Amino acid sequence: MTTHDPEVAISPDADSSLARARTAGWAYAEGFVPEDEVLLRARERAAELGCHAVLPGAGALLRVLAASLAARAVVEVGTGTGVAALWLLRGMPADGVLTTIDAELEHLRAAKRAFAEEGLAPSRTRAIPGRPRDVLPRLTDGAYDMVLVGADPHAYPDHVTEALRLLRPGGVLAVDGALHGGRVADPARRDEVTTLVRELGRSLRADERVVPALVPAGDGLLLAVRR
């Protein structure tokens, strides 16, 4: 079967009206599931602290994935102020536990505030302070239904390697920011982060252990199901 490299084969659409329609469609999809006050406050804290927050369309998709898996054990790399965590927890069963990791204590405090506003029992979340590269190796092999990787694109390759170890068969890996502001789809972009994220997608596409897809929700979600 013949394959091609989408980063090379796909060029910008010359039809400006179609391009505008695609942009409008993306904006419509991003607002399709509105964020409530708890999510909006968590997002405002992320802006104040200058940390990453998953966009609404990606958050809604994460909730759907967690619900479809009935995910009771989820790992999040990069807590931020809890925006993605709230989306995930809303899709998980009532007895599901989210393990979330962040090196910044201020981020974790903000996330815990969001969890309290959500009315979550303390047993629903396990917030671990520390660098993910130090924490992830301590987690159990094959014990998790879903792993979300976000926050630091420079560390994505290492975090994804650990995530694949943690996932059970049928578990889902999600990498946020997989389009990196649209740069990944532009073959002329060769900066360090764009190249790294692009290569990560290619490596997962070639990895026989997973079934991958790239979804243009939020800033792009790179998804892979563990065989």
C-alpha atoms as a PDB file:
ATOM      1  CA  MET A   1       0.000   0.000   0.000  1.00  0.00           C
ATOM      2  CA  THR A   2       1.327   3.432  -0.921  1.00  0.00           C
ATOM      3  CA  THR A   3       1.581   6.052   1.817  1.00  0.00           C
ATOM      4  CA  HIS A   4       2.414   9.705   1.702  1.00  0.00           C
ATOM      5  CA  ASP A   5       3.639  12.356   4.109  1.00  0.00           C
ATOM      6  CA  PRO A   6       0.708  14.693   4.837  1.00  0.00           C
ATOM      7  CA  GLU A   7       2.995  17.505   5.939  1.00  0.00           C
ATOM      8  CA  VAL A   8       4.464  17.572   2.434  1.00  0.00           C
ATOM      9  CA  ALA A   9       1.477  16.563   0.327  1.00  0.00           C
ATOM     10  CA  ILE A  10      -1.049  19.031   1.725  1.00  0.00           C
ATOM     11  CA  SER A  11      -0.641  22.674   0.740  1.00  0.00           C
ATOM     12  CA  PRO A  12      -2.686  25.716   1.871  1.00  0.00           C
ATOM     13  CA  ASP A  13      -6.101  25.886   0.202  1.00  0.00           C
ATOM     14  CA  ALA A  14      -6.116  28.463  -2.587  1.00  0.00           C
ATOM     15  CA  ASP A  15      -9.852  28.968  -2.276  1.00  0.00           C
ATOM     16  CA  SER A  16     -10.211  31.704   0.350  1.00  0.00           C
ATOM     17  CA  SER A  17     -13.930  31.090   0.833  1.00  0.00           C
ATOM     18  CA  LEU A  18     -13.286  27.444   1.657  1.00  0.00           C
ATOM     19  CA  ALA A  19     -10.501  28.479   4.009  1.00  0.00           C
ATOM     20  CA  ARG A  20     -12.883  30.874   5.793  1.00  0.00           C
ATOM     21  CA  ALA A  21     -15.498  28.130   6.033  1.00  0.00           C
ATOM     22  CA  ARG A  22     -12.976  25.788   7.612  1.00  0.00           C
ATOM     23  CA  THR A  23     -11.981  28.450  10.139  1.00  0.00           C
ATOM     24  CA  ALA A  24     -15.631  29.124  10.962  1.00  0.00           C
ATOM     25  CA  GLY A  25     -16.239  25.393  11.320  1.00  0.00           C
ATOM     26  CA  TRP A  26     -13.331  25.056  13.747  1.00  0.00           C
ATOM     27  CA  ALA A  27     -14.618  27.999  15.818  1.00  0.00           C
ATOM     28  CA  TYR A  28     -18.123  26.521  15.874  1.00  0.00           C
ATOM     29  CA  ALA A  29     -16.781  23.141  17.005  1.00  0.00           C
ATOM     30  CA  GLU A  30     -14.684  24.786  19.737  1.00  0.00           C
ATOM     31  CA  GLY A  31     -17.792  26.366  21.255  1.00  0.00           C
ATOM     32  CA  PHE A  32     -20.117  23.422  20.664  1.00  0.00           C
ATOM     33  CA  VAL A  33     -19.886  22.310  24.308  1.00  0.00           C
ATOM     34  CA  PRO A  34     -19.814  25.579  26.309  1.00  0.00           C
ATOM     35  CA  GLU A  35     -17.616  25.873  29.358  1.00  0.00           C
ATOM     36  CA  ASP A  36     -19.340  26.611  32.660  1.00  0.00           C
ATOM     37  CA  GLU A  37     -18.210  28.961  35.410  1.00  0.00           C
ATOM     38  CA  VAL A  38     -15.930  26.415  37.100  1.00  0.00           C
ATOM     39  CA  LEU A  39     -14.026  25.785  33.878  1.00  0.00           C
ATOM     40  CA  LEU A  40     -13.930  29.470  32.970  1.00  0.00           C
ATOM     41  CA  ARG A  41     -12.476  30.402  36.356  1.00  0.00           C
ATOM     42  CA  ALA A  42      -9.840  27.681  36.017  1.00  0.00           C
ATOM     43  CA  ARG A  43      -9.010  29.035  32.554  1.00  0.00           C
ATOM     44  CA  GLU A  44      -8.702  32.575  33.940  1.00  0.00           C
ATOM     45  CA  ARG A  45      -6.240  31.334  36.570  1.00  0.00           C
ATOM     46  CA  ALA A  46      -4.194  29.681  33.828  1.00  0.00           C
ATOM     47  CA  ALA A  47      -3.963  33.024  32.022  1.00  0.00           C
ATOM     48  CA  GLU A  48      -2.950  34.757  35.250  1.00  0.00           C
ATOM     49  CA  LEU A  49      -0.236  32.197  35.983  1.00  0.00           C
ATOM     50  CA  GLY A  50       0.918  31.997  32.380  1.00  0.00           C
ATOM     51  CA  CYS A  51       0.455  28.254  32.113  1.00  0.00           C
ATOM     52  CA  HIS A  52      -1.029  26.077  29.386  1.00  0.00           C
ATOM     53  CA  ALA A  53      -4.748  25.238  29.324  1.00  0.00           C
ATOM     54  CA  VAL A  54      -6.335  22.822  26.880  1.00  0.00           C
ATOM     55  CA  LEU A  55      -8.754  24.556  24.493  1.00  0.00           C
ATOM     56  CA  PRO A  56     -12.510  23.850  24.850  1.00  0.00           C
ATOM     57  CA  GLY A  57     -12.853  21.634  21.764  1.00  0.00           C
ATOM     58  CA  ALA A  58     -10.002  19.423  22.880  1.00  0.00           C
ATOM     59  CA  GLY A  59     -11.391  19.349  26.423  1.00  0.00           C
ATOM     60  CA  ALA A  60     -14.794  18.207  25.184  1.00  0.00           C
ATOM     61  CA  LEU A  61     -13.150  15.447  23.154  1.00  0.00           C
ATOM     62  CA  LEU A  62     -11.119  14.338  26.179  1.00  0.00           C
ATOM     63  CA  ARG A  63     -14.353  14.067  28.150  1.00  0.00           C
ATOM     64  CA  VAL A  64     -15.893  11.922  25.398  1.00  0.00           C
ATOM     65  CA  LEU A  65     -12.838   9.655  25.317  1.00  0.00           C
ATOM     66  CA  ALA A  66     -12.839   9.220  29.090  1.00  0.00           C
ATOM     67  CA  ALA A  67     -16.555   8.426  29.027  1.00  0.00           C
ATOM     68  CA  SER A  68     -16.257   5.966  26.136  1.00  0.00           C
ATOM     69  CA  LEU A  69     -13.486   4.110  27.969  1.00  0.00           C
ATOM     70  CA  ALA A  70     -15.309   4.291  31.308  1.00  0.00           C
ATOM     71  CA  ALA A  71     -11.816   5.307  32.400  1.00  0.00           C
ATOM     72  CA  ARG A  72     -11.285   4.646  36.096  1.00  0.00           C
ATOM     73  CA  ALA A  73      -7.534   5.251  36.107  1.00  0.00           C
ATOM     74  CA  VAL A  74      -6.171   8.245  34.188  1.00  0.00           C
ATOM     75  CA  VAL A  75      -2.791  10.004  34.247  1.00  0.00           C
ATOM     76  CA  GLU A  76      -2.336  13.645  33.294  1.00  0.00           C
ATOM     77  CA  VAL A  77       1.148  15.031  32.621  1.00  0.00           C
ATOM     78  CA  GLY A  78       1.023  18.777  33.236  1.00  0.00           C
ATOM     79  CA  THR A  79      -1.793  19.795  35.584  1.00  0.00           C
ATOM     80  CA  GLY A  80      -1.774  23.523  34.978  1.00  0.00           C
ATOM     81  CA  THR A  81      -4.759  25.007  36.783  1.00  0.00           C
ATOM     82  CA  GLY A  82      -6.944  21.936  36.261  1.00  0.00           C
ATOM     83  CA  VAL A  83      -8.784  22.770  33.023  1.00  0.00           C
ATOM     84  CA  ALA A  84      -8.055  19.481  31.247  1.00  0.00           C
ATOM     85  CA  ALA A  85      -8.423  17.591  34.522  1.00  0.00           C
ATOM     86  CA  LEU A  86     -11.969  18.892  34.968  1.00  0.00           C
ATOM     87  CA  TRP A  87     -12.917  17.795  31.442  1.00  0.00           C
ATOM     88  CA  LEU A  88     -11.451  14.342  32.053  1.00  0.00           C
ATOM     89  CA  LEU A  89     -13.085  13.890  35.446  1.00  0.00           C
ATOM     90  CA  ARG A  90     -16.467  14.843  34.010  1.00  0.00           C
ATOM     91  CA  GLY A  91     -16.166  11.938  31.587  1.00  0.00           C
ATOM     92  CA  MET A  92     -14.859   9.401  34.093  1.00  0.00           C
ATOM     93  CA  PRO A  93     -17.100   7.206  36.283  1.00  0.00           C
ATOM     94  CA  ALA A  94     -17.861   8.401  39.792  1.00  0.00           C
ATOM     95  CA  ASP A  95     -15.221   6.059  41.215  1.00  0.00           C
ATOM     96  CA  GLY A  96     -12.542   7.051  38.717  1.00  0.00           C
ATOM     97  CA  VAL A  97      -9.242   8.499  39.963  1.00  0.00           C
ATOM     98  CA  LEU A  98      -7.141  11.040  38.087  1.00  0.00           C
ATOM     99  CA  THR A  99      -3.414  11.097  38.820  1.00  0.00           C
ATOM    100  CA  THR A 100      -2.094  14.487  37.776  1.00  0.00           C
ATOM    101  CA  ILE A 101       1.551  15.598  37.795  1.00  0.00           C
ATOM    102  CA  ASP A 102       3.061  19.074  37.767  1.00  0.00           C
ATOM    103  CA  ALA A 103       6.405  20.474  38.851  1.00  0.00           C
ATOM    104  CA  GLU A 104       4.882  23.828  39.873  1.00  0.00           C
ATOM    105  CA  LEU A 105       3.258  23.875  43.306  1.00  0.00           C
ATOM    106  CA  GLU A 106       1.384  27.067  42.419  1.00  0.00           C
ATOM    107  CA  HIS A 107      -0.277  25.256  39.524  1.00  0.00           C
ATOM    108  CA  LEU A 108      -1.325  22.370  41.739  1.00  0.00           C
ATOM    109  CA  ARG A 109      -2.785  24.739  44.314  1.00  0.00           C
ATOM    110  CA  ALA A 110      -4.840  26.430  41.591  1.00  0.00           C
ATOM    111  CA  ALA A 111      -5.994  23.047  40.283  1.00  0.00           C
ATOM    112  CA  LYS A 112      -7.034  21.919  43.758  1.00  0.00           C
ATOM    113  CA  ARG A 113      -9.098  25.097  44.046  1.00  0.00           C
ATOM    114  CA  ALA A 114     -10.856  24.166  40.813  1.00  0.00           C
ATOM    115  CA  PHE A 115     -11.462  20.627  42.079  1.00  0.00           C
ATOM    116  CA  ALA A 116     -13.005  22.024  45.270  1.00  0.00           C
ATOM    117  CA  GLU A 117     -15.262  24.337  43.241  1.00  0.00           C
ATOM    118  CA  GLU A 118     -16.326  21.319  41.200  1.00  0.00           C
ATOM    119  CA  GLY A 119     -17.333  19.564  44.437  1.00  0.00           C
ATOM    120  CA  LEU A 120     -15.011  16.616  43.867  1.00  0.00           C
ATOM    121  CA  ALA A 121     -14.228  14.261  46.718  1.00  0.00           C
ATOM    122  CA  PRO A 122     -10.513  14.314  47.616  1.00  0.00           C
ATOM    123  CA  SER A 123     -10.310  10.629  46.664  1.00  0.00           C
ATOM    124  CA  ARG A 124     -11.074  11.454  43.006  1.00  0.00           C
ATOM    125  CA  THR A 125      -7.707  13.102  42.383  1.00  0.00           C
ATOM    126  CA  ARG A 126      -4.105  12.330  43.211  1.00  0.00           C
ATOM    127  CA  ALA A 127      -2.029  15.467  42.630  1.00  0.00           C
ATOM    128  CA  ILE A 128       1.695  14.704  42.612  1.00  0.00           C
ATOM    129  CA  PRO A 129       4.253  17.537  42.732  1.00  0.00           C
ATOM    130  CA  GLY A 130       7.442  16.880  40.828  1.00  0.00           C
ATOM    131  CA  ARG A 131       8.976  16.620  37.413  1.00  0.00           C
ATOM    132  CA  PRO A 132       7.081  14.119  35.248  1.00  0.00           C
ATOM    133  CA  ARG A 133      10.324  12.425  34.193  1.00  0.00           C
ATOM    134  CA  ASP A 134      10.907  11.598  37.876  1.00  0.00           C
ATOM    135  CA  VAL A 135       7.308  10.672  38.739  1.00  0.00           C
ATOM    136  CA  LEU A 136       6.187   8.662  35.699  1.00  0.00           C
ATOM    137  CA  PRO A 137       8.706   5.819  36.145  1.00  0.00           C
ATOM    138  CA  ARG A 138       7.209   5.160  39.586  1.00  0.00           C
ATOM    139  CA  LEU A 139       3.738   4.450  38.178  1.00  0.00           C
ATOM    140  CA  THR A 140       2.597   0.891  37.459  1.00  0.00           C
ATOM    141  CA  ASP A 141       2.968  -0.693  34.027  1.00  0.00           C
ATOM    142  CA  GLY A 142      -0.259  -1.327  32.122  1.00  0.00           C
ATOM    143  CA  ALA A 143      -2.459   0.002  34.928  1.00  0.00           C
ATOM    144  CA  TYR A 144      -4.094   3.009  33.247  1.00  0.00           C
ATOM    145  CA  ASP A 145      -7.008   3.483  30.868  1.00  0.00           C
ATOM    146  CA  MET A 146      -5.857   6.838  29.531  1.00  0.00           C
ATOM    147  CA  VAL A 147      -2.837   9.150  29.645  1.00  0.00           C
ATOM    148  CA  LEU A 148      -2.925  12.825  28.662  1.00  0.00           C
ATOM    149  CA  VAL A 149       0.411  14.448  27.823  1.00  0.00           C
ATOM    150  CA  GLY A 150       0.582  18.233  27.729  1.00  0.00           C
ATOM    151  CA  ALA A 151       2.370  21.362  28.951  1.00  0.00           C
ATOM    152  CA  ASP A 152       5.999  20.925  27.785  1.00  0.00           C
ATOM    153  CA  PRO A 153       6.496  19.956  24.127  1.00  0.00           C
ATOM    154  CA  HIS A 154      10.266  19.588  24.636  1.00  0.00           C
ATOM    155  CA  ALA A 155       9.572  16.617  26.914  1.00  0.00           C
ATOM    156  CA  TYR A 156       6.843  15.002  24.786  1.00  0.00           C
ATOM    157  CA  PRO A 157       8.983  12.140  23.394  1.00  0.00           C
ATOM    158  CA  ASP A 158      10.059  10.967  26.857  1.00  0.00           C
ATOM    159  CA  HIS A 159       6.568  11.389  28.291  1.00  0.00           C
ATOM    160  CA  VAL A 160       4.970   9.487  25.424  1.00  0.00           C
ATOM    161  CA  THR A 161       7.416   6.614  25.892  1.00  0.00           C
ATOM    162  CA  GLU A 162       6.386   6.384  29.537  1.00  0.00           C
ATOM    163  CA  ALA A 163       2.699   6.776  28.667  1.00  0.00           C
ATOM    164  CA  LEU A 164       2.762   3.771  26.340  1.00  0.00           C
ATOM    165  CA  ARG A 165       4.244   1.713  29.150  1.00  0.00           C
ATOM    166  CA  LEU A 166       1.503   2.793  31.541  1.00  0.00           C
ATOM    167  CA  LEU A 167      -1.440   2.068  29.232  1.00  0.00           C
ATOM    168  CA  ARG A 168      -3.380  -1.173  29.301  1.00  0.00           C
ATOM    169  CA  PRO A 169      -4.322  -2.778  25.967  1.00  0.00           C
ATOM    170  CA  GLY A 170      -7.141  -0.659  24.578  1.00  0.00           C
ATOM    171  CA  GLY A 171      -6.003   2.347  26.593  1.00  0.00           C
ATOM    172  CA  VAL A 172      -5.747   5.761  24.944  1.00  0.00           C
ATOM    173  CA  LEU A 173      -2.837   8.173  24.728  1.00  0.00           C
ATOM    174  CA  ALA A 174      -3.707  11.821  24.035  1.00  0.00           C
ATOM    175  CA  VAL A 175      -1.061  14.466  23.298  1.00  0.00           C
ATOM    176  CA  ASP A 176      -2.310  18.046  23.422  1.00  0.00           C
ATOM    177  CA  GLY A 177      -0.907  20.803  21.220  1.00  0.00           C
ATOM    178  CA  ALA A 178      -0.137  18.388  18.389  1.00  0.00           C
ATOM    179  CA  LEU A 179      -0.649  21.086  15.738  1.00  0.00           C
ATOM    180  CA  HIS A 180       1.429  23.659  17.645  1.00  0.00           C
ATOM    181  CA  GLY A 181      -0.566  26.670  16.514  1.00  0.00           C
ATOM    182  CA  GLY A 182      -0.878  25.336  12.963  1.00  0.00           C
ATOM    183  CA  ARG A 183       2.890  25.193  12.482  1.00  0.00           C
ATOM    184  CA  VAL A 184       3.096  21.394  12.301  1.00  0.00           C
ATOM    185  CA  ALA A 185       1.015  21.348   9.103  1.00  0.00           C
ATOM    186  CA  ASP A 186       3.303  23.870   7.412  1.00  0.00           C
ATOM    187  CA  PRO A 187       6.315  22.060   5.874  1.00  0.00           C
ATOM    188  CA  ALA A 188       8.242  25.344   5.780  1.00  0.00           C
ATOM    189  CA  ARG A 189       8.280  25.505   9.588  1.00  0.00           C
ATOM    190  CA  ARG A 190      11.527  24.016  10.918  1.00  0.00           C
ATOM    191  CA  ASP A 191      11.883  25.454  14.422  1.00  0.00           C
ATOM    192  CA  GLU A 192      12.828  23.102  17.237  1.00  0.00           C
ATOM    193  CA  VAL A 193       9.415  22.570  18.836  1.00  0.00           C
ATOM    194  CA  THR A 194       7.534  22.259  15.538  1.00  0.00           C
ATOM    195  CA  THR A 195      10.030  19.704  14.281  1.00  0.00           C
ATOM    196  CA  LEU A 196       9.882  17.754  17.539  1.00  0.00           C
ATOM    197  CA  VAL A 197       6.069  17.595  17.596  1.00  0.00           C
ATOM    198  CA  ARG A 198       5.957  16.691  13.893  1.00  0.00           C
ATOM    199  CA  GLU A 199       8.465  13.865  14.406  1.00  0.00           C
ATOM    200  CA  LEU A 200       6.500  12.584  17.398  1.00  0.00           C
ATOM    201  CA  GLY A 201       3.431  12.245  15.193  1.00  0.00           C
ATOM    202  CA  ARG A 202       5.425  10.405  12.550  1.00  0.00           C
ATOM    203  CA  SER A 203       6.895   8.020  15.120  1.00  0.00           C
ATOM    204  CA  LEU A 204       3.463   7.125  16.500  1.00  0.00           C
ATOM    205  CA  ARG A 205       2.133   6.698  12.974  1.00  0.00           C
ATOM    206  CA  ALA A 206       4.873   4.119  12.368  1.00  0.00           C
ATOM    207  CA  ASP A 207       4.572   2.410  15.768  1.00  0.00           C
ATOM    208  CA  GLU A 208       2.913  -1.002  15.378  1.00  0.00           C
ATOM    209  CA  ARG A 209       1.968  -1.028  19.066  1.00  0.00           C
ATOM    210  CA  VAL A 210      -0.697   1.648  18.556  1.00  0.00           C
ATOM    211  CA  VAL A 211      -3.520   2.791  16.283  1.00  0.00           C
ATOM    212  CA  PRO A 212      -2.989   6.566  15.822  1.00  0.00           C
ATOM    213  CA  ALA A 213      -4.996   9.570  14.642  1.00  0.00           C
ATOM    214  CA  LEU A 214      -4.486  13.330  14.602  1.00  0.00           C
ATOM    215  CA  VAL A 215      -7.624  15.324  15.372  1.00  0.00           C
ATOM    216  CA  PRO A 216      -7.832  19.119  14.800  1.00  0.00           C
ATOM    217  CA  ALA A 217      -9.674  19.814  18.047  1.00  0.00           C
ATOM    218  CA  GLY A 218      -8.270  22.685  20.098  1.00  0.00           C
ATOM    219  CA  ASP A 219      -4.614  23.006  19.121  1.00  0.00           C
ATOM    220  CA  GLY A 220      -4.620  19.422  17.875  1.00  0.00           C
ATOM    221  CA  LEU A 221      -4.938  16.150  19.753  1.00  0.00           C
ATOM    222  CA  LEU A 222      -2.613  13.341  18.724  1.00  0.00           C
ATOM    223  CA  LEU A 223      -4.401  10.141  19.750  1.00  0.00           C
ATOM    224  CA  ALA A 224      -3.180   6.550  19.905  1.00  0.00           C
ATOM    225  CA  VAL A 225      -4.910   3.402  21.128  1.00  0.00           C
ATOM    226  CA  ARG A 226      -2.596   0.796  22.681  1.00  0.00           C
ATOM    227  CA  ARG A 227      -2.962  -2.570  20.948  1.00  0.00           C
END
